[in-house]
Amino acid sequence: MKKSALFGMGILAAGMVTACGNGGDGEDEQETLTMGTSADYPPFEYIETGESDEIVGFDVDLAEAITDELGYDLEIQDMEFGGLIPALNSNRVDFVMAGMRPTEERRENVDFSDIYFESNHTIVTKEEFGIEEAEDLEGGTLGVQLGSIQEGQAEELGEEVPDLEVETRDRIPELVQEIINDRFDAAIIADTVAYEYIEREDGLKGFDLPNQAEEDGNAIAFPQDSELTEEFNEVLDDMKESGELDDLIIKWFDEMEIDEDDVSDEGGEGYDGEDEDDADDEEADE
């Protein structure tokens, strides 16, 4: 299937320092907002390695549409998921879009927009492992992304499944690679993202995480008391009413096929499985 044309945008290198939009001074210059994301989460956000190495995806198109409507330029800063809320609270980014759910714990530190997308969670494993339900993970190793809502779900599952070890990684491709390399028995990943990887990688399968509560879905994170929250919500409301948001959902979740060769697996391929003392462990938005 064809990919629709993407909005143009500038991409910041992870180490580049930029002034956030809410701190701009020039009246004649269009302000720039910096979006924080973790570009390892197709089709929400990922690095397309074919020609441009751009960060593309559903969240990127949505962010571009909202900021364009509000009269802002958009820049994107890619980082590990666990560092997104710390970056928001230290004013390194103006807002975060990364398939993030507005949990009560996160609401203690940041504000959220209205929900713009809903999904559930999937346990991804290898077909050859013979794992058909959560109870089959007894004595096994379950992977989750550091700082994600799935980390809490894995801990809860660990209380129900005997001898289940839970390990974290910074990036989704790392979780998938650990399963492929037989280091993890399974991983919990949001369903939309999980099935993108299952389609790309031979020998993987997935099944629903049991006893899932009604999830709120994905929302945009802002610093507390940011004026951007209301501005973004107004545009989201208009996009829902006009059908523009539905058009983006159809584009990325019904019509799009992600070519395996076009997706960067940075952090996953060649991962040696050794434990790391990562400062982000202390900063993860739990």
Foldseek 3Di string as FASTA:
>chain_A
DDADDADDAAEDEQPDFDAAQVVDDDPPDAGEFEEEEAQQFPQQWFQFADPDRDIHHLVVRLVCVLCVVVRHGYYYHHDFQQCRLVCQQVNRGFKYFYFAADDPLLVVFWDWAAALFDFAKKKKAFPVLVDDALLSCALFEEEEAFLGPVVVVVVVSPVVHHNYHYDHDRHPLQRVLCRVVVNGRIYMDTPQRRVLVPVADPRMDIDGHPPDDGGRTGTMIGGPPDPVRVSSNVVSVVCVVVVVSVVSCCSRRPPDRDDPNRGDSPPHPPDPPDDDPDPSNVRRSD
